[in-house]
Amino acid sequence: MTATDAAAEALVALQCRDDILQALYWLRGEDPAGDATEKKLQLLLVVDARIVHDELATLIGDGLVERAGDRLRLTDTGVREGGRRFADEFGALTRSAHGDCPPNCPHCADLPRDACDHCLGGDPDGASWARV
């Protein structure tokens, strides 16, 4: 194996671990009692079963995922890490739209849709309305 091949394999492994954490976090949100299986993750992520198995072993060893029989779930630390990665990956897609904010949103009050920086992505923290 060349150094380039080893680097590519390490990158695939790292991406797979991130994807597993994100998928388990997402599945947890869809059904908190619906723990995943390796097969479900393999089908969801479209990744070779061996890679999913190996990277799950790493995540279990790191204390981010736990196994109960054939079921998998995030630990408390895994929930934080999976949530952070999910937010990093999908944050732009999960922001609220104009009008989805609470009635007293200081960013959207009395603004037309095309003039609201918050709704158009100009709010740098993306969630400041939640503090209202």
C-alpha atoms as a PDB file:
ATOM      1  CA  MET A   1       0.000   0.000   0.000  1.00  0.00           C
ATOM      2  CA  THR A   2       1.378   3.378  -0.958  1.00  0.00           C
ATOM      3  CA  ALA A   3       1.330   6.412   1.296  1.00  0.00           C
ATOM      4  CA  THR A   4      -1.365   7.897  -0.930  1.00  0.00           C
ATOM      5  CA  ASP A   5      -3.508   4.768  -0.557  1.00  0.00           C
ATOM      6  CA  ALA A   6      -3.036   4.805   3.215  1.00  0.00           C
ATOM      7  CA  ALA A   7      -4.003   8.492   3.392  1.00  0.00           C
ATOM      8  CA  ALA A   8      -7.097   7.869   1.255  1.00  0.00           C
ATOM      9  CA  GLU A   9      -8.107   4.915   3.449  1.00  0.00           C
ATOM     10  CA  ALA A  10      -7.652   7.003   6.614  1.00  0.00           C
ATOM     11  CA  LEU A  11      -9.807   9.758   5.126  1.00  0.00           C
ATOM     12  CA  VAL A  12     -12.572   7.277   4.247  1.00  0.00           C
ATOM     13  CA  ALA A  13     -12.440   5.909   7.806  1.00  0.00           C
ATOM     14  CA  LEU A  14     -12.658   9.382   9.332  1.00  0.00           C
ATOM     15  CA  GLN A  15     -15.570  10.342   7.071  1.00  0.00           C
ATOM     16  CA  CYS A  16     -17.336   7.091   7.920  1.00  0.00           C
ATOM     17  CA  ARG A  17     -17.015   7.772  11.676  1.00  0.00           C
ATOM     18  CA  ASP A  18     -18.475  11.258  11.194  1.00  0.00           C
ATOM     19  CA  ASP A  19     -21.283   9.857   9.039  1.00  0.00           C
ATOM     20  CA  ILE A  20     -22.087   7.154  11.609  1.00  0.00           C
ATOM     21  CA  LEU A  21     -22.295   9.724  14.408  1.00  0.00           C
ATOM     22  CA  GLN A  22     -24.505  11.993  12.295  1.00  0.00           C
ATOM     23  CA  ALA A  23     -26.748   9.114  11.229  1.00  0.00           C
ATOM     24  CA  LEU A  24     -27.172   7.847  14.794  1.00  0.00           C
ATOM     25  CA  TYR A  25     -27.924  11.389  15.950  1.00  0.00           C
ATOM     26  CA  TRP A  26     -30.502  11.851  13.189  1.00  0.00           C
ATOM     27  CA  LEU A  27     -32.092   8.447  13.854  1.00  0.00           C
ATOM     28  CA  ARG A  28     -32.256   9.295  17.565  1.00  0.00           C
ATOM     29  CA  GLY A  29     -34.202  12.442  16.709  1.00  0.00           C
ATOM     30  CA  GLU A  30     -36.585  10.535  14.459  1.00  0.00           C
ATOM     31  CA  ASP A  31     -37.292   7.867  17.081  1.00  0.00           C
ATOM     32  CA  PRO A  32     -35.460   8.113  20.423  1.00  0.00           C
ATOM     33  CA  ALA A  33     -36.173   4.428  21.102  1.00  0.00           C
ATOM     34  CA  GLY A  34     -35.246   3.366  17.573  1.00  0.00           C
ATOM     35  CA  ASP A  35     -31.643   2.335  18.004  1.00  0.00           C
ATOM     36  CA  ALA A  36     -29.889   1.384  14.779  1.00  0.00           C
ATOM     37  CA  THR A  37     -28.179  -1.794  13.670  1.00  0.00           C
ATOM     38  CA  GLU A  38     -24.969  -2.122  11.670  1.00  0.00           C
ATOM     39  CA  LYS A  39     -27.000  -3.245   8.665  1.00  0.00           C
ATOM     40  CA  LYS A  40     -29.283  -0.201   8.904  1.00  0.00           C
ATOM     41  CA  LEU A  41     -26.247   2.106   9.047  1.00  0.00           C
ATOM     42  CA  GLN A  42     -24.620   0.328   6.119  1.00  0.00           C
ATOM     43  CA  LEU A  43     -27.754   0.772   4.000  1.00  0.00           C
ATOM     44  CA  LEU A  44     -28.310   4.357   5.104  1.00  0.00           C
ATOM     45  CA  LEU A  45     -24.712   5.443   4.536  1.00  0.00           C
ATOM     46  CA  VAL A  46     -24.099   3.260   1.457  1.00  0.00           C
ATOM     47  CA  VAL A  47     -20.755   2.152   2.854  1.00  0.00           C
ATOM     48  CA  ASP A  48     -19.068  -1.237   2.761  1.00  0.00           C
ATOM     49  CA  ALA A  49     -20.095  -3.416   5.726  1.00  0.00           C
ATOM     50  CA  ARG A  50     -16.451  -3.990   6.741  1.00  0.00           C
ATOM     51  CA  ILE A  51     -15.775  -0.257   6.990  1.00  0.00           C
ATOM     52  CA  VAL A  52     -18.949   0.346   9.011  1.00  0.00           C
ATOM     53  CA  HIS A  53     -18.026  -2.542  11.342  1.00  0.00           C
ATOM     54  CA  ASP A  54     -14.432  -1.348  11.813  1.00  0.00           C
ATOM     55  CA  GLU A  55     -15.379   2.279  12.418  1.00  0.00           C
ATOM     56  CA  LEU A  56     -18.149   1.308  14.825  1.00  0.00           C
ATOM     57  CA  ALA A  57     -15.524  -0.607  16.804  1.00  0.00           C
ATOM     58  CA  THR A  58     -13.444   2.579  16.951  1.00  0.00           C
ATOM     59  CA  LEU A  59     -16.433   4.685  18.049  1.00  0.00           C
ATOM     60  CA  ILE A  60     -17.372   2.112  20.699  1.00  0.00           C
ATOM     61  CA  GLY A  61     -13.770   2.063  21.920  1.00  0.00           C
ATOM     62  CA  ASP A  62     -13.802   5.869  22.088  1.00  0.00           C
ATOM     63  CA  GLY A  63     -16.966   5.802  24.214  1.00  0.00           C
ATOM     64  CA  LEU A  64     -19.173   7.534  21.635  1.00  0.00           C
ATOM     65  CA  VAL A  65     -21.390   4.578  20.714  1.00  0.00           C
ATOM     66  CA  GLU A  66     -22.605   1.663  22.795  1.00  0.00           C
ATOM     67  CA  ARG A  67     -23.931  -1.704  21.754  1.00  0.00           C
ATOM     68  CA  ALA A  68     -26.864  -3.506  23.334  1.00  0.00           C
ATOM     69  CA  GLY A  69     -27.117  -6.846  21.555  1.00  0.00           C
ATOM     70  CA  ASP A  70     -27.333  -6.007  17.867  1.00  0.00           C
ATOM     71  CA  ARG A  71     -28.622  -2.484  18.576  1.00  0.00           C
ATOM     72  CA  LEU A  72     -26.431   0.624  18.581  1.00  0.00           C
ATOM     73  CA  ARG A  73     -26.967   3.945  20.309  1.00  0.00           C
ATOM     74  CA  LEU A  74     -25.013   7.069  21.101  1.00  0.00           C
ATOM     75  CA  THR A  75     -23.625   7.583  24.580  1.00  0.00           C
ATOM     76  CA  ASP A  76     -24.103  11.000  26.202  1.00  0.00           C
ATOM     77  CA  THR A  77     -20.746  12.052  24.763  1.00  0.00           C
ATOM     78  CA  GLY A  78     -21.753  10.574  21.408  1.00  0.00           C
ATOM     79  CA  VAL A  79     -24.948  12.630  21.415  1.00  0.00           C
ATOM     80  CA  ARG A  80     -22.925  15.823  21.868  1.00  0.00           C
ATOM     81  CA  GLU A  81     -20.400  14.866  19.190  1.00  0.00           C
ATOM     82  CA  GLY A  82     -23.041  13.577  16.769  1.00  0.00           C
ATOM     83  CA  GLY A  83     -25.122  16.718  17.301  1.00  0.00           C
ATOM     84  CA  ARG A  84     -22.146  18.973  16.681  1.00  0.00           C
ATOM     85  CA  ARG A  85     -21.213  17.155  13.494  1.00  0.00           C
ATOM     86  CA  PHE A  86     -24.845  17.110  12.327  1.00  0.00           C
ATOM     87  CA  ALA A  87     -25.147  20.856  12.949  1.00  0.00           C
ATOM     88  CA  ASP A  88     -21.884  21.511  11.092  1.00  0.00           C
ATOM     89  CA  GLU A  89     -23.017  19.458   8.112  1.00  0.00           C
ATOM     90  CA  PHE A  90     -26.677  20.458   7.887  1.00  0.00           C
ATOM     91  CA  GLY A  91     -26.889  23.786   9.729  1.00  0.00           C
ATOM     92  CA  ALA A  92     -27.662  25.806   6.620  1.00  0.00           C
ATOM     93  CA  LEU A  93     -30.530  23.462   5.777  1.00  0.00           C
ATOM     94  CA  THR A  94     -32.096  23.458   9.233  1.00  0.00           C
ATOM     95  CA  ARG A  95     -32.313  27.211   9.826  1.00  0.00           C
ATOM     96  CA  SER A  96     -35.716  28.725  10.344  1.00  0.00           C
ATOM     97  CA  ALA A  97     -37.426  30.497   7.487  1.00  0.00           C
ATOM     98  CA  HIS A  98     -38.905  33.980   7.646  1.00  0.00           C
ATOM     99  CA  GLY A  99     -42.099  33.694   9.624  1.00  0.00           C
ATOM    100  CA  ASP A 100     -40.993  30.535  11.447  1.00  0.00           C
ATOM    101  CA  CYS A 101     -39.542  32.637  14.240  1.00  0.00           C
ATOM    102  CA  PRO A 102     -41.509  33.316  17.413  1.00  0.00           C
ATOM    103  CA  PRO A 103     -43.874  36.310  17.315  1.00  0.00           C
ATOM    104  CA  ASN A 104     -41.450  38.532  19.236  1.00  0.00           C
ATOM    105  CA  CYS A 105     -38.369  37.768  17.134  1.00  0.00           C
ATOM    106  CA  PRO A 106     -36.194  40.905  17.284  1.00  0.00           C
ATOM    107  CA  HIS A 107     -34.645  40.080  13.918  1.00  0.00           C
ATOM    108  CA  CYS A 108     -37.840  39.799  11.874  1.00  0.00           C
ATOM    109  CA  ALA A 109     -40.133  42.318  13.539  1.00  0.00           C
ATOM    110  CA  ASP A 110     -41.736  44.600  10.949  1.00  0.00           C
ATOM    111  CA  LEU A 111     -39.348  43.559   8.164  1.00  0.00           C
ATOM    112  CA  PRO A 112     -40.315  42.349   4.713  1.00  0.00           C
ATOM    113  CA  ARG A 113     -38.946  38.915   3.849  1.00  0.00           C
ATOM    114  CA  ASP A 114     -36.275  40.193   1.457  1.00  0.00           C
ATOM    115  CA  ALA A 115     -34.923  42.669   4.035  1.00  0.00           C
ATOM    116  CA  CYS A 116     -34.508  40.312   6.992  1.00  0.00           C
ATOM    117  CA  ASP A 117     -30.805  39.529   7.541  1.00  0.00           C
ATOM    118  CA  HIS A 118     -31.710  36.815  10.027  1.00  0.00           C
ATOM    119  CA  CYS A 119     -33.850  34.919   7.538  1.00  0.00           C
ATOM    120  CA  LEU A 120     -31.496  35.459   4.613  1.00  0.00           C
ATOM    121  CA  GLY A 121     -28.520  34.041   6.475  1.00  0.00           C
ATOM    122  CA  GLY A 122     -26.991  37.273   7.745  1.00  0.00           C
ATOM    123  CA  ASP A 123     -27.357  36.314  11.407  1.00  0.00           C
ATOM    124  CA  PRO A 124     -23.936  34.859  12.210  1.00  0.00           C
ATOM    125  CA  ASP A 125     -25.021  32.601  15.073  1.00  0.00           C
ATOM    126  CA  GLY A 126     -28.165  31.434  13.311  1.00  0.00           C
ATOM    127  CA  ALA A 127     -30.061  30.819  16.524  1.00  0.00           C
ATOM    128  CA  SER A 128     -30.118  34.134  18.336  1.00  0.00           C
ATOM    129  CA  TRP A 129     -33.907  34.323  18.057  1.00  0.00           C
ATOM    130  CA  ALA A 130     -34.083  31.344  20.426  1.00  0.00           C
ATOM    131  CA  ARG A 131     -32.770  33.540  23.249  1.00  0.00           C
ATOM    132  CA  VAL A 132     -35.855  35.777  23.077  1.00  0.00           C
END
